[in-house]
Amino acid sequence: MRMLAKEPGRENIEAVSADLVAMPVATQTADVLWLHLFYHDLHTALIQARGATAARFNQAVYERLKPGGFYVIVNHAAAVGAGTSDAQSVARRS
């Protein structure tokens, strides 16, 4: 993403990679905040133990969106009705 953001004509794009808990202080106001395949991590015990929750993260995102901005979430799909119960099983393993 950083390489794409540096291509000619994309001077107004900044790719930010930050710790989920630090995200509120790592980003400026934006027209688009795009999350790719990690939103489910906000529902895992590991991330929640570090102080992040989906509600707090979402609030931080909305505080950083410019009026009319877009919050885009691309994530894994679980079975209909699973709620957050599959968050750990779709998380990447190290």
PDB file of N, CA and C in Angstrom:
ATOM      1  N   MET A   1       0.824  -1.185   0.000  1.00  0.00           N
ATOM      2  CA  MET A   1       0.000   0.000   0.000  1.00  0.00           C
ATOM      3  C   MET A   1       0.870   1.250   0.000  1.00  0.00           C
ATOM      4  N   ARG A   2       1.976   1.206   0.742  1.00  0.00           N
ATOM      5  CA  ARG A   2       2.859   2.380   0.765  1.00  0.00           C
ATOM      6  C   ARG A   2       3.432   2.660  -0.624  1.00  0.00           C
ATOM      7  N   MET A   3       3.782   1.608  -1.361  1.00  0.00           N
ATOM      8  CA  MET A   3       4.322   1.798  -2.705  1.00  0.00           C
ATOM      9  C   MET A   3       3.254   2.393  -3.625  1.00  0.00           C
ATOM     10  N   LEU A   4       2.034   1.906  -3.514  1.00  0.00           N
ATOM     11  CA  LEU A   4       0.949   2.457  -4.325  1.00  0.00           C
ATOM     12  C   LEU A   4       0.722   3.934  -4.006  1.00  0.00           C
ATOM     13  N   ALA A   5       0.792   4.276  -2.742  1.00  0.00           N
ATOM     14  CA  ALA A   5       0.560   5.661  -2.334  1.00  0.00           C
ATOM     15  C   ALA A   5       1.638   6.595  -2.870  1.00  0.00           C
ATOM     16  N   LYS A   6       2.809   6.069  -3.195  1.00  0.00           N
ATOM     17  CA  LYS A   6       3.909   6.899  -3.700  1.00  0.00           C
ATOM     18  C   LYS A   6       3.895   7.071  -5.217  1.00  0.00           C
ATOM     19  N   GLU A   7       3.000   6.384  -5.904  1.00  0.00           N
ATOM     20  CA  GLU A   7       2.942   6.497  -7.361  1.00  0.00           C
ATOM     21  C   GLU A   7       2.530   7.901  -7.777  1.00  0.00           C
ATOM     22  N   PRO A   8       2.992   8.347  -8.956  1.00  0.00           N
ATOM     23  CA  PRO A   8       2.618   9.678  -9.449  1.00  0.00           C
ATOM     24  C   PRO A   8       1.096   9.859  -9.484  1.00  0.00           C
ATOM     25  N   GLY A   9       0.667  11.032  -9.062  1.00  0.00           N
ATOM     26  CA  GLY A   9      -0.763  11.332  -9.045  1.00  0.00           C
ATOM     27  C   GLY A   9      -1.454  10.959  -7.748  1.00  0.00           C
ATOM     28  N   ARG A  10      -0.714  10.375  -6.836  1.00  0.00           N
ATOM     29  CA  ARG A  10      -1.313   9.967  -5.554  1.00  0.00           C
ATOM     30  C   ARG A  10      -0.676  10.704  -4.379  1.00  0.00           C
ATOM     31  N   GLU A  11      -0.255  11.918  -4.634  1.00  0.00           N
ATOM     32  CA  GLU A  11       0.415  12.693  -3.598  1.00  0.00           C
ATOM     33  C   GLU A  11      -0.476  12.957  -2.392  1.00  0.00           C
ATOM     34  N   ASN A  12      -1.777  12.878  -2.577  1.00  0.00           N
ATOM     35  CA  ASN A  12      -2.709  13.150  -1.479  1.00  0.00           C
ATOM     36  C   ASN A  12      -3.066  11.882  -0.686  1.00  0.00           C
ATOM     37  N   ILE A  13      -2.371  10.782  -0.970  1.00  0.00           N
ATOM     38  CA  ILE A  13      -2.654   9.519  -0.273  1.00  0.00           C
ATOM     39  C   ILE A  13      -1.522   9.217   0.695  1.00  0.00           C
ATOM     40  N   GLU A  14      -1.893   8.827   1.898  1.00  0.00           N
ATOM     41  CA  GLU A  14      -0.908   8.414   2.886  1.00  0.00           C
ATOM     42  C   GLU A  14      -1.317   7.041   3.410  1.00  0.00           C
ATOM     43  N   ALA A  15      -0.417   6.083   3.270  1.00  0.00           N
ATOM     44  CA  ALA A  15      -0.663   4.747   3.822  1.00  0.00           C
ATOM     45  C   ALA A  15      -0.102   4.734   5.237  1.00  0.00           C
ATOM     46  N   VAL A  16      -0.940   4.424   6.190  1.00  0.00           N
ATOM     47  CA  VAL A  16      -0.518   4.413   7.588  1.00  0.00           C
ATOM     48  C   VAL A  16      -0.673   3.005   8.125  1.00  0.00           C
ATOM     49  N   SER A  17       0.369   2.512   8.720  1.00  0.00           N
ATOM     50  CA  SER A  17       0.322   1.221   9.390  1.00  0.00           C
ATOM     51  C   SER A  17       0.632   1.493  10.856  1.00  0.00           C
ATOM     52  N   ALA A  18      -0.327   1.217  11.715  1.00  0.00           N
ATOM     53  CA  ALA A  18      -0.150   1.535  13.126  1.00  0.00           C
ATOM     54  C   ALA A  18      -0.778   0.460  13.984  1.00  0.00           C
ATOM     55  N   ASP A  19      -0.284   0.337  15.163  1.00  0.00           N
ATOM     56  CA  ASP A  19      -0.862  -0.530  16.166  1.00  0.00           C
ATOM     57  C   ASP A  19      -2.325  -0.139  16.351  1.00  0.00           C
ATOM     58  N   LEU A  20      -3.204  -1.117  16.478  1.00  0.00           N
ATOM     59  CA  LEU A  20      -4.631  -0.814  16.619  1.00  0.00           C
ATOM     60  C   LEU A  20      -4.924   0.116  17.785  1.00  0.00           C
ATOM     61  N   VAL A  21      -4.192  -0.056  18.870  1.00  0.00           N
ATOM     62  CA  VAL A  21      -4.426   0.792  20.037  1.00  0.00           C
ATOM     63  C   VAL A  21      -3.877   2.197  19.792  1.00  0.00           C
ATOM     64  N   ALA A  22      -2.783   2.305  19.021  1.00  0.00           N
ATOM     65  CA  ALA A  22      -2.153   3.599  18.761  1.00  0.00           C
ATOM     66  C   ALA A  22      -2.802   4.345  17.603  1.00  0.00           C
ATOM     67  N   MET A  23      -3.649   3.699  16.833  1.00  0.00           N
ATOM     68  CA  MET A  23      -4.235   4.315  15.651  1.00  0.00           C
ATOM     69  C   MET A  23      -4.794   5.716  15.909  1.00  0.00           C
ATOM     70  N   PRO A  24      -5.452   5.981  17.028  1.00  0.00           N
ATOM     71  CA  PRO A  24      -6.001   7.322  17.224  1.00  0.00           C
ATOM     72  C   PRO A  24      -4.961   8.437  17.176  1.00  0.00           C
ATOM     73  N   VAL A  25      -3.727   8.173  17.582  1.00  0.00           N
ATOM     74  CA  VAL A  25      -2.705   9.221  17.559  1.00  0.00           C
ATOM     75  C   VAL A  25      -1.821   9.138  16.327  1.00  0.00           C
ATOM     76  N   ALA A  26      -1.990   8.103  15.508  1.00  0.00           N
ATOM     77  CA  ALA A  26      -1.122   7.892  14.352  1.00  0.00           C
ATOM     78  C   ALA A  26      -1.700   8.444  13.060  1.00  0.00           C
ATOM     79  N   THR A  27      -2.945   8.857  13.071  1.00  0.00           N
ATOM     80  CA  THR A  27      -3.580   9.285  11.832  1.00  0.00           C
ATOM     81  C   THR A  27      -4.100  10.710  11.921  1.00  0.00           C
ATOM     82  N   GLN A  28      -4.158  11.336  10.785  1.00  0.00           N
ATOM     83  CA  GLN A  28      -4.731  12.670  10.663  1.00  0.00           C
ATOM     84  C   GLN A  28      -6.157  12.517  10.133  1.00  0.00           C
ATOM     85  N   THR A  29      -6.865  13.634   9.990  1.00  0.00           N
ATOM     86  CA  THR A  29      -8.197  13.545   9.407  1.00  0.00           C
ATOM     87  C   THR A  29      -8.072  13.057   7.970  1.00  0.00           C
ATOM     88  N   ALA A  30      -9.064  12.318   7.516  1.00  0.00           N
ATOM     89  CA  ALA A  30      -8.963  11.687   6.201  1.00  0.00           C
ATOM     90  C   ALA A  30     -10.315  11.637   5.513  1.00  0.00           C
ATOM     91  N   ASP A  31     -10.263  11.528   4.186  1.00  0.00           N
ATOM     92  CA  ASP A  31     -11.475  11.330   3.387  1.00  0.00           C
ATOM     93  C   ASP A  31     -11.909   9.880   3.418  1.00  0.00           C
ATOM     94  N   VAL A  32     -10.934   8.968   3.510  1.00  0.00           N
ATOM     95  CA  VAL A  32     -11.209   7.529   3.519  1.00  0.00           C
ATOM     96  C   VAL A  32     -10.292   6.853   4.531  1.00  0.00           C
ATOM     97  N   LEU A  33     -10.864   6.004   5.358  1.00  0.00           N
ATOM     98  CA  LEU A  33     -10.087   5.112   6.214  1.00  0.00           C
ATOM     99  C   LEU A  33     -10.471   3.700   5.816  1.00  0.00           C
ATOM    100  N   TRP A  34      -9.483   2.946   5.356  1.00  0.00           N
ATOM    101  CA  TRP A  34      -9.695   1.636   4.761  1.00  0.00           C
ATOM    102  C   TRP A  34      -8.983   0.590   5.603  1.00  0.00           C
ATOM    103  N   LEU A  35      -9.721  -0.379   6.094  1.00  0.00           N
ATOM    104  CA  LEU A  35      -9.153  -1.474   6.879  1.00  0.00           C
ATOM    105  C   LEU A  35      -9.224  -2.739   6.045  1.00  0.00           C
ATOM    106  N   HIS A  36      -8.120  -3.466   5.994  1.00  0.00           N
ATOM    107  CA  HIS A  36      -8.078  -4.651   5.140  1.00  0.00           C
ATOM    108  C   HIS A  36      -7.718  -5.898   5.941  1.00  0.00           C
ATOM    109  N   LEU A  37      -8.694  -6.744   6.155  1.00  0.00           N
ATOM    110  CA  LEU A  37      -8.552  -8.070   6.759  1.00  0.00           C
ATOM    111  C   LEU A  37      -7.986  -8.079   8.177  1.00  0.00           C
ATOM    112  N   PHE A  38      -8.370  -7.084   8.969  1.00  0.00           N
ATOM    113  CA  PHE A  38      -7.993  -7.177  10.378  1.00  0.00           C
ATOM    114  C   PHE A  38      -9.070  -6.695  11.342  1.00  0.00           C
ATOM    115  N   TYR A  39     -10.219  -6.274  10.837  1.00  0.00           N
ATOM    116  CA  TYR A  39     -11.259  -5.772  11.738  1.00  0.00           C
ATOM    117  C   TYR A  39     -11.664  -6.837  12.769  1.00  0.00           C
ATOM    118  N   HIS A  40     -11.676  -8.095  12.355  1.00  0.00           N
ATOM    119  CA  HIS A  40     -12.055  -9.169  13.279  1.00  0.00           C
ATOM    120  C   HIS A  40     -11.124  -9.249  14.487  1.00  0.00           C
ATOM    121  N   ASP A  41      -9.878  -8.782  14.313  1.00  0.00           N
ATOM    122  CA  ASP A  41      -8.930  -8.823  15.425  1.00  0.00           C
ATOM    123  C   ASP A  41      -9.404  -8.001  16.614  1.00  0.00           C
ATOM    124  N   LEU A  42     -10.243  -7.004  16.380  1.00  0.00           N
ATOM    125  CA  LEU A  42     -10.768  -6.194  17.473  1.00  0.00           C
ATOM    126  C   LEU A  42     -11.652  -7.004  18.407  1.00  0.00           C
ATOM    127  N   HIS A  43     -12.046  -8.178  17.975  1.00  0.00           N
ATOM    128  CA  HIS A  43     -12.924  -9.034  18.777  1.00  0.00           C
ATOM    129  C   HIS A  43     -12.178 -10.209  19.391  1.00  0.00           C
ATOM    130  N   THR A  44     -10.846 -10.185  19.360  1.00  0.00           N
ATOM    131  CA  THR A  44     -10.073 -11.271  19.963  1.00  0.00           C
ATOM    132  C   THR A  44      -9.576 -10.849  21.341  1.00  0.00           C
ATOM    133  N   ALA A  45      -9.381 -11.819  22.201  1.00  0.00           N
ATOM    134  CA  ALA A  45      -8.931 -11.544  23.567  1.00  0.00           C
ATOM    135  C   ALA A  45      -7.576 -10.850  23.579  1.00  0.00           C
ATOM    136  N   LEU A  46      -6.683 -11.219  22.675  1.00  0.00           N
ATOM    137  CA  LEU A  46      -5.349 -10.621  22.626  1.00  0.00           C
ATOM    138  C   LEU A  46      -5.422  -9.111  22.424  1.00  0.00           C
ATOM    139  N   ILE A  47      -6.169  -8.680  21.454  1.00  0.00           N
ATOM    140  CA  ILE A  47      -6.265  -7.247  21.163  1.00  0.00           C
ATOM    141  C   ILE A  47      -7.043  -6.526  22.260  1.00  0.00           C
ATOM    142  N   GLN A  48      -8.111  -7.122  22.732  1.00  0.00           N
ATOM    143  CA  GLN A  48      -8.890  -6.486  23.784  1.00  0.00           C
ATOM    144  C   GLN A  48      -8.077  -6.348  25.066  1.00  0.00           C
ATOM    145  N   ALA A  49      -7.168  -7.298  25.337  1.00  0.00           N
ATOM    146  CA  ALA A  49      -6.308  -7.210  26.513  1.00  0.00           C
ATOM    147  C   ALA A  49      -5.348  -6.025  26.409  1.00  0.00           C
ATOM    148  N   ARG A  50      -5.082  -5.586  25.190  1.00  0.00           N
ATOM    149  CA  ARG A  50      -4.198  -4.438  24.976  1.00  0.00           C
ATOM    150  C   ARG A  50      -4.962  -3.119  25.019  1.00  0.00           C
ATOM    151  N   GLY A  51      -6.265  -3.190  25.214  1.00  0.00           N
ATOM    152  CA  GLY A  51      -7.055  -1.976  25.377  1.00  0.00           C
ATOM    153  C   GLY A  51      -7.870  -1.558  24.178  1.00  0.00           C
ATOM    154  N   ALA A  52      -7.871  -2.341  23.110  1.00  0.00           N
ATOM    155  CA  ALA A  52      -8.660  -1.990  21.930  1.00  0.00           C
ATOM    156  C   ALA A  52      -9.994  -2.724  21.958  1.00  0.00           C
ATOM    157  N   THR A  53     -11.027  -2.042  21.579  1.00  0.00           N
ATOM    158  CA  THR A  53     -12.327  -2.677  21.373  1.00  0.00           C
ATOM    159  C   THR A  53     -12.870  -2.131  20.061  1.00  0.00           C
ATOM    160  N   ALA A  54     -13.786  -2.851  19.457  1.00  0.00           N
ATOM    161  CA  ALA A  54     -14.384  -2.388  18.204  1.00  0.00           C
ATOM    162  C   ALA A  54     -15.056  -1.037  18.415  1.00  0.00           C
ATOM    163  N   ALA A  55     -15.765  -0.874  19.500  1.00  0.00           N
ATOM    164  CA  ALA A  55     -16.478   0.387  19.748  1.00  0.00           C
ATOM    165  C   ALA A  55     -15.509   1.562  19.859  1.00  0.00           C
ATOM    166  N   ARG A  56     -14.420   1.389  20.608  1.00  0.00           N
ATOM    167  CA  ARG A  56     -13.443   2.475  20.761  1.00  0.00           C
ATOM    168  C   ARG A  56     -12.713   2.740  19.452  1.00  0.00           C
ATOM    169  N   PHE A  57     -12.384   1.683  18.727  1.00  0.00           N
ATOM    170  CA  PHE A  57     -11.700   1.842  17.448  1.00  0.00           C
ATOM    171  C   PHE A  57     -12.609   2.576  16.460  1.00  0.00           C
ATOM    172  N   ASN A  58     -13.866   2.142  16.366  1.00  0.00           N
ATOM    173  CA  ASN A  58     -14.820   2.797  15.458  1.00  0.00           C
ATOM    174  C   ASN A  58     -14.971   4.272  15.805  1.00  0.00           C
ATOM    175  N   GLN A  59     -15.059   4.594  17.092  1.00  0.00           N
ATOM    176  CA  GLN A  59     -15.178   5.993  17.506  1.00  0.00           C
ATOM    177  C   GLN A  59     -13.963   6.792  17.047  1.00  0.00           C
ATOM    178  N   ALA A  60     -12.760   6.211  17.206  1.00  0.00           N
ATOM    179  CA  ALA A  60     -11.537   6.888  16.762  1.00  0.00           C
ATOM    180  C   ALA A  60     -11.558   7.108  15.251  1.00  0.00           C
ATOM    181  N   VAL A  61     -12.039   6.117  14.505  1.00  0.00           N
ATOM    182  CA  VAL A  61     -12.135   6.255  13.049  1.00  0.00           C
ATOM    183  C   VAL A  61     -13.075   7.405  12.696  1.00  0.00           C
ATOM    184  N   TYR A  62     -14.263   7.407  13.267  1.00  0.00           N
ATOM    185  CA  TYR A  62     -15.244   8.440  12.926  1.00  0.00           C
ATOM    186  C   TYR A  62     -14.773   9.837  13.337  1.00  0.00           C
ATOM    187  N   GLU A  63     -13.981   9.927  14.404  1.00  0.00           N
ATOM    188  CA  GLU A  63     -13.434  11.223  14.811  1.00  0.00           C
ATOM    189  C   GLU A  63     -12.402  11.727  13.801  1.00  0.00           C
ATOM    190  N   ARG A  64     -11.795  10.820  13.034  1.00  0.00           N
ATOM    191  CA  ARG A  64     -10.770  11.205  12.078  1.00  0.00           C
ATOM    192  C   ARG A  64     -11.284  11.361  10.653  1.00  0.00           C
ATOM    193  N   LEU A  65     -12.510  10.942  10.403  1.00  0.00           N
ATOM    194  CA  LEU A  65     -13.068  11.109   9.060  1.00  0.00           C
ATOM    195  C   LEU A  65     -13.517  12.545   8.839  1.00  0.00           C
ATOM    196  N   LYS A  66     -13.182  13.073   7.680  1.00  0.00           N
ATOM    197  CA  LYS A  66     -13.681  14.388   7.305  1.00  0.00           C
ATOM    198  C   LYS A  66     -15.180  14.253   7.016  1.00  0.00           C
ATOM    199  N   PRO A  67     -15.935  15.335   7.099  1.00  0.00           N
ATOM    200  CA  PRO A  67     -17.370  15.263   6.767  1.00  0.00           C
ATOM    201  C   PRO A  67     -17.572  14.642   5.380  1.00  0.00           C
ATOM    202  N   GLY A  68     -18.454  13.660   5.307  1.00  0.00           N
ATOM    203  CA  GLY A  68     -18.711  12.971   4.044  1.00  0.00           C
ATOM    204  C   GLY A  68     -17.700  11.890   3.727  1.00  0.00           C
ATOM    205  N   GLY A  69     -16.775  11.609   4.657  1.00  0.00           N
ATOM    206  CA  GLY A  69     -15.739  10.604   4.431  1.00  0.00           C
ATOM    207  C   GLY A  69     -16.284   9.184   4.456  1.00  0.00           C
ATOM    208  N   PHE A  70     -15.448   8.246   4.051  1.00  0.00           N
ATOM    209  CA  PHE A  70     -15.840   6.835   3.962  1.00  0.00           C
ATOM    210  C   PHE A  70     -15.005   5.978   4.896  1.00  0.00           C
ATOM    211  N   TYR A  71     -15.659   5.052   5.570  1.00  0.00           N
ATOM    212  CA  TYR A  71     -15.024   4.054   6.427  1.00  0.00           C
ATOM    213  C   TYR A  71     -15.250   2.726   5.731  1.00  0.00           C
ATOM    214  N   VAL A  72     -14.184   2.154   5.176  1.00  0.00           N
ATOM    215  CA  VAL A  72     -14.282   0.931   4.388  1.00  0.00           C
ATOM    216  C   VAL A  72     -13.655  -0.217   5.175  1.00  0.00           C
ATOM    217  N   ILE A  73     -14.411  -1.292   5.336  1.00  0.00           N
ATOM    218  CA  ILE A  73     -13.908  -2.474   6.036  1.00  0.00           C
ATOM    219  C   ILE A  73     -13.995  -3.661   5.090  1.00  0.00           C
ATOM    220  N   VAL A  74     -12.842  -4.258   4.782  1.00  0.00           N
ATOM    221  CA  VAL A  74     -12.779  -5.505   4.027  1.00  0.00           C
ATOM    222  C   VAL A  74     -12.334  -6.543   5.045  1.00  0.00           C
ATOM    223  N   ASN A  75     -13.125  -7.584   5.228  1.00  0.00           N
ATOM    224  CA  ASN A  75     -12.791  -8.558   6.257  1.00  0.00           C
ATOM    225  C   ASN A  75     -13.228  -9.951   5.839  1.00  0.00           C
ATOM    226  N   HIS A  76     -12.867 -10.907   6.644  1.00  0.00           N
ATOM    227  CA  HIS A  76     -13.257 -12.294   6.415  1.00  0.00           C
ATOM    228  C   HIS A  76     -14.758 -12.446   6.683  1.00  0.00           C
ATOM    229  N   ALA A  77     -15.359 -13.469   6.123  1.00  0.00           N
ATOM    230  CA  ALA A  77     -16.779 -13.728   6.346  1.00  0.00           C
ATOM    231  C   ALA A  77     -16.948 -14.965   7.219  1.00  0.00           C
ATOM    232  N   ALA A  78     -17.847 -14.873   8.156  1.00  0.00           N
ATOM    233  CA  ALA A  78     -18.201 -16.008   9.009  1.00  0.00           C
ATOM    234  C   ALA A  78     -19.607 -16.451   8.612  1.00  0.00           C
ATOM    235  N   ALA A  79     -20.037 -17.526   9.194  1.00  0.00           N
ATOM    236  CA  ALA A  79     -21.388 -18.014   8.928  1.00  0.00           C
ATOM    237  C   ALA A  79     -22.416 -16.983   9.399  1.00  0.00           C
ATOM    238  N   VAL A  80     -23.518 -16.903   8.706  1.00  0.00           N
ATOM    239  CA  VAL A  80     -24.592 -15.999   9.084  1.00  0.00           C
ATOM    240  C   VAL A  80     -25.002 -16.295  10.521  1.00  0.00           C
ATOM    241  N   GLY A  81     -25.088 -15.248  11.320  1.00  0.00           N
ATOM    242  CA  GLY A  81     -25.500 -15.395  12.709  1.00  0.00           C
ATOM    243  C   GLY A  81     -24.380 -15.723  13.678  1.00  0.00           C
ATOM    244  N   ALA A  82     -23.149 -15.868  13.193  1.00  0.00           N
ATOM    245  CA  ALA A  82     -22.035 -16.236  14.068  1.00  0.00           C
ATOM    246  C   ALA A  82     -21.640 -15.099  15.002  1.00  0.00           C
ATOM    247  N   GLY A  83     -21.992 -13.867  14.630  1.00  0.00           N
ATOM    248  CA  GLY A  83     -21.586 -12.738  15.461  1.00  0.00           C
ATOM    249  C   GLY A  83     -20.072 -12.669  15.531  1.00  0.00           C
ATOM    250  N   THR A  84     -19.541 -12.437  16.714  1.00  0.00           N
ATOM    251  CA  THR A  84     -18.086 -12.345  16.866  1.00  0.00           C
ATOM    252  C   THR A  84     -17.458 -13.671  17.282  1.00  0.00           C
ATOM    253  N   SER A  85     -18.250 -14.737  17.374  1.00  0.00           N
ATOM    254  CA  SER A  85     -17.727 -16.012  17.871  1.00  0.00           C
ATOM    255  C   SER A  85     -16.641 -16.609  16.984  1.00  0.00           C
ATOM    256  N   ASP A  86     -16.587 -16.254  15.706  1.00  0.00           N
ATOM    257  CA  ASP A  86     -15.556 -16.796  14.812  1.00  0.00           C
ATOM    258  C   ASP A  86     -14.341 -15.887  14.671  1.00  0.00           C
ATOM    259  N   ALA A  87     -14.289 -14.799  15.414  1.00  0.00           N
ATOM    260  CA  ALA A  87     -13.190 -13.840  15.263  1.00  0.00           C
ATOM    261  C   ALA A  87     -11.829 -14.493  15.458  1.00  0.00           C
ATOM    262  N   GLN A  88     -11.703 -15.330  16.456  1.00  0.00           N
ATOM    263  CA  GLN A  88     -10.404 -15.966  16.721  1.00  0.00           C
ATOM    264  C   GLN A  88     -10.055 -16.966  15.625  1.00  0.00           C
ATOM    265  N   SER A  89     -11.015 -17.681  15.104  1.00  0.00           N
ATOM    266  CA  SER A  89     -10.698 -18.717  14.119  1.00  0.00           C
ATOM    267  C   SER A  89     -10.307 -18.132  12.763  1.00  0.00           C
ATOM    268  N   VAL A  90     -10.704 -16.901  12.452  1.00  0.00           N
ATOM    269  CA  VAL A  90     -10.302 -16.296  11.179  1.00  0.00           C
ATOM    270  C   VAL A  90      -9.047 -15.445  11.328  1.00  0.00           C
ATOM    271  N   ALA A  91      -8.583 -15.263  12.562  1.00  0.00           N
ATOM    272  CA  ALA A  91      -7.379 -14.482  12.791  1.00  0.00           C
ATOM    273  C   ALA A  91      -6.158 -15.227  12.254  1.00  0.00           C
ATOM    274  N   ARG A  92      -5.208 -14.453  11.746  1.00  0.00           N
ATOM    275  CA  ARG A  92      -3.970 -15.070  11.247  1.00  0.00           C
ATOM    276  C   ARG A  92      -3.210 -15.696  12.393  1.00  0.00           C
ATOM    277  N   ARG A  93      -2.579 -16.776  12.115  1.00  0.00           N
ATOM    278  CA  ARG A  93      -1.750 -17.456  13.109  1.00  0.00           C
ATOM    279  C   ARG A  93      -0.292 -17.147  12.817  1.00  0.00           C
ATOM    280  N   SER A  94       0.497 -16.998  13.864  1.00  0.00           N
ATOM    281  CA  SER A  94       1.931 -16.757  13.637  1.00  0.00           C
ATOM    282  C   SER A  94       2.703 -18.036  13.872  1.00  0.00           C
TER     283      SER A  94
END
